[in-house]
Protein backbone atom coordinates (compact mmCIF):
# COMPACT_ATOMS: atom_id res chain seq x y z
CA MET A 1 0.00 0.00 0.00
CA SER A 2 1.25 3.46 -0.88
CA ARG A 3 0.35 6.88 0.44
CA PHE A 4 1.03 10.44 -0.57
CA GLU A 5 -0.19 13.81 0.66
CA VAL A 6 -0.59 17.16 -1.06
CA THR A 7 -1.47 20.47 0.63
CA THR A 8 -2.65 23.49 -1.35
CA LEU A 9 -3.41 27.00 -0.10
CA VAL A 10 -6.49 28.43 -1.82
CA LEU A 11 -7.54 32.07 -1.34
CA ALA A 12 -11.23 31.23 -1.01
CA PRO A 13 -13.34 30.12 1.96
CA PRO A 14 -13.64 26.40 2.80
CA PRO A 15 -17.29 25.99 1.66
CA VAL A 16 -16.42 27.34 -1.81
CA VAL A 17 -13.35 25.11 -2.17
CA PHE A 18 -15.23 22.09 -0.76
CA ASP A 19 -18.09 22.44 -3.27
CA ALA A 20 -15.69 23.03 -6.17
CA SER A 21 -13.81 19.86 -5.23
CA LEU A 22 -17.02 17.84 -5.53
CA SER A 23 -18.07 19.34 -8.87
CA VAL A 24 -18.15 16.80 -11.69
CA GLU A 25 -17.76 19.53 -14.29
CA LEU A 26 -14.77 21.11 -12.55
CA HIS A 27 -13.14 17.69 -12.22
CA THR A 28 -13.54 16.87 -15.90
CA SER A 29 -12.23 20.30 -16.88
CA SER A 30 -9.19 19.88 -14.63
CA MET A 31 -8.44 16.46 -16.14
CA ARG A 32 -8.90 17.55 -19.76
CA GLY A 33 -5.40 16.30 -20.60
CA SER A 34 -6.43 12.70 -19.89
CA ARG A 35 -9.86 13.19 -21.51
CA GLU A 36 -11.56 12.23 -18.25
CA GLN A 37 -15.35 12.02 -18.41
CA ALA A 38 -18.10 10.93 -16.04
CA VAL A 39 -19.83 8.16 -17.98
CA ALA A 40 -22.17 6.52 -15.43
CA GLY A 41 -23.77 7.23 -12.07
CA VAL A 42 -23.83 10.91 -11.18
CA THR A 43 -22.46 12.60 -14.30
CA SER A 44 -23.05 16.27 -13.50
CA GLY A 45 -23.42 18.63 -10.57
CA VAL A 46 -21.94 18.47 -7.08
CA LEU A 47 -21.41 15.02 -5.57
CA SER A 48 -22.68 14.20 -2.09
CA LEU A 49 -22.65 11.31 0.40
CA GLY A 50 -23.36 7.96 -1.24
CA ASP A 51 -23.07 9.23 -4.81
CA GLN A 52 -21.25 7.00 -7.28
CA VAL A 53 -19.62 8.05 -10.51
CA THR A 54 -17.78 6.06 -13.15
CA TRP A 55 -14.91 7.94 -14.72
CA ARG A 56 -13.37 7.10 -18.07
CA ALA A 57 -9.90 8.47 -18.75
CA ARG A 58 -6.82 7.83 -20.82
CA HIS A 59 -3.55 7.20 -18.96
CA PHE A 60 -0.38 5.50 -20.17
CA GLY A 61 -1.94 5.15 -23.63
CA LEU A 62 -4.84 3.04 -22.32
CA THR A 63 -8.48 3.82 -21.54
CA TRP A 64 -9.38 3.12 -17.90
CA HIS A 65 -12.69 3.03 -16.02
CA LEU A 66 -12.88 3.71 -12.30
CA THR A 67 -16.10 3.78 -10.29
CA SER A 68 -15.90 5.64 -7.00
CA THR A 69 -18.32 6.47 -4.23
CA ILE A 70 -18.42 9.37 -1.80
CA SER A 71 -18.10 7.35 1.41
CA ALA A 72 -17.79 10.26 3.88
CA HIS A 73 -19.07 13.82 3.58
CA VAL A 74 -18.97 16.53 6.26
CA ARG A 75 -19.51 19.89 4.55
CA PRO A 76 -17.39 22.03 4.44
CA SER A 77 -14.49 20.25 6.07
CA TYR A 78 -14.07 16.69 4.83
CA PHE A 79 -15.01 14.10 2.23
CA VAL A 80 -13.67 10.78 1.03
CA ASP A 81 -13.94 9.09 -2.34
CA GLU A 82 -13.16 5.39 -2.62
CA GLN A 83 -12.89 3.04 -5.56
CA VAL A 84 -15.77 0.60 -5.90
CA SER A 85 -14.37 -0.96 -9.06
CA GLY A 86 -11.44 -0.11 -11.26
CA PRO A 87 -7.77 -0.58 -11.89
CA PHE A 88 -6.46 -0.33 -8.32
CA ARG A 89 -6.45 -3.07 -5.69
CA HIS A 90 -7.26 -0.22 -3.28
CA TRP A 91 -8.00 3.51 -3.73
CA ARG A 92 -9.02 5.92 -0.97
CA HIS A 93 -8.74 9.69 -1.37
CA ALA A 94 -9.45 11.80 1.72
CA HIS A 95 -9.96 15.55 1.22
CA THR A 96 -9.84 18.04 4.10
CA PHE A 97 -10.55 21.76 4.03
CA GLU A 98 -9.47 23.96 6.94
CA PRO A 99 -9.44 27.72 7.37
CA ALA A 100 -5.89 28.90 6.74
CA PRO A 101 -4.47 30.57 9.83
CA ASP A 102 -2.79 33.96 9.56
CA SER A 103 -3.36 34.26 5.83
CA GLY A 104 -4.73 37.81 6.09
CA VAL A 105 -7.69 36.86 3.85
CA GLU A 106 -10.32 34.17 3.98
CA ALA A 107 -8.39 31.16 2.73
CA THR A 108 -8.41 27.36 2.84
CA LEU A 109 -5.75 24.76 3.41
CA MET A 110 -6.87 21.96 1.12
CA LYS A 111 -5.21 18.66 1.96
CA ASP A 112 -5.37 15.45 -0.06
CA VAL A 113 -4.31 12.11 1.40
CA VAL A 114 -4.30 9.31 -1.15
CA ASP A 115 -3.89 5.68 -0.10
CA PHE A 116 -3.67 3.21 -2.96
CA ALA A 117 -2.42 -0.19 -3.97
CA ALA A 118 -1.51 -0.98 -7.55
CA PRO A 119 -2.81 -4.18 -9.12
CA ALA A 120 -0.63 -7.10 -10.21
CA GLY A 121 1.18 -7.93 -6.97
CA PRO A 122 4.97 -7.53 -7.20
CA LEU A 123 4.78 -6.05 -10.71
CA GLY A 124 2.30 -3.46 -9.45
CA ALA A 125 4.58 -2.64 -6.53
CA LEU A 126 7.43 -2.11 -8.98
CA ALA A 127 5.24 0.11 -11.19
CA ASP A 128 4.26 2.08 -8.09
CA ALA A 129 7.88 2.60 -7.08
CA LEU A 130 9.03 3.57 -10.56
CA VAL A 131 6.12 5.55 -11.99
CA LEU A 132 2.68 5.40 -10.41
CA ARG A 133 3.08 7.42 -7.19
CA ARG A 134 4.83 10.27 -9.05
CA TYR A 135 2.23 10.20 -11.83
CA LEU A 136 -0.73 10.24 -9.42
CA THR A 137 0.83 13.02 -7.34
CA ARG A 138 1.22 15.10 -10.51
CA LEU A 139 -2.47 14.52 -11.37
CA ILE A 140 -3.58 15.69 -7.91
CA LEU A 141 -1.32 18.75 -8.14
CA LEU A 142 -2.76 19.56 -11.56
CA ARG A 143 -6.33 19.16 -10.29
CA ASN A 144 -5.61 21.29 -7.22
CA ALA A 145 -4.05 24.05 -9.32
CA TYR A 146 -7.24 24.12 -11.39
CA ILE A 147 -9.45 24.23 -8.27
CA LYS A 148 -7.29 27.03 -6.87
CA GLU A 149 -7.39 29.05 -10.09
CA THR A 150 -11.15 28.58 -10.55
CA THR A 151 -12.21 29.34 -6.97
CA GLU A 152 -9.86 32.29 -6.57
CA ALA A 153 -11.10 33.81 -9.84
CA ALA A 154 -14.70 33.43 -8.62
CA MET A 155 -13.81 35.36 -5.43
CA ARG A 156 -12.51 38.42 -7.32
């Protein structure tokens, strides 16, 4: 099992950043490079507790499908999405949103904690060590930059 964490400062209040992070449309826009689309379940709007969505995306030259569910949801501070079916042996992505202390403006510390296990046993562990963790971290950073840009622009 692997884990990585990413923290992003967003100059917008936690409820705004929380809702943006659960927006299907914002997610697909942020993942335009991998042509990610919601193809089943909840395919538009803001996700909430118990919602499932199947994502289709292109990574490593292959098309992948991953169905996730929102397994925890405490607005505006915390939610978790977990894989129900898809390419990982395990996928759990916890999102927290806390007011940023001493920022001088209303701001949010957005923290992502991703726990995952690659498929294929020892080969998956090797892929994780060589490529997967770095690749997934880059995707989360890209998504967070888009959330930051979008929410901060909406606050101006």
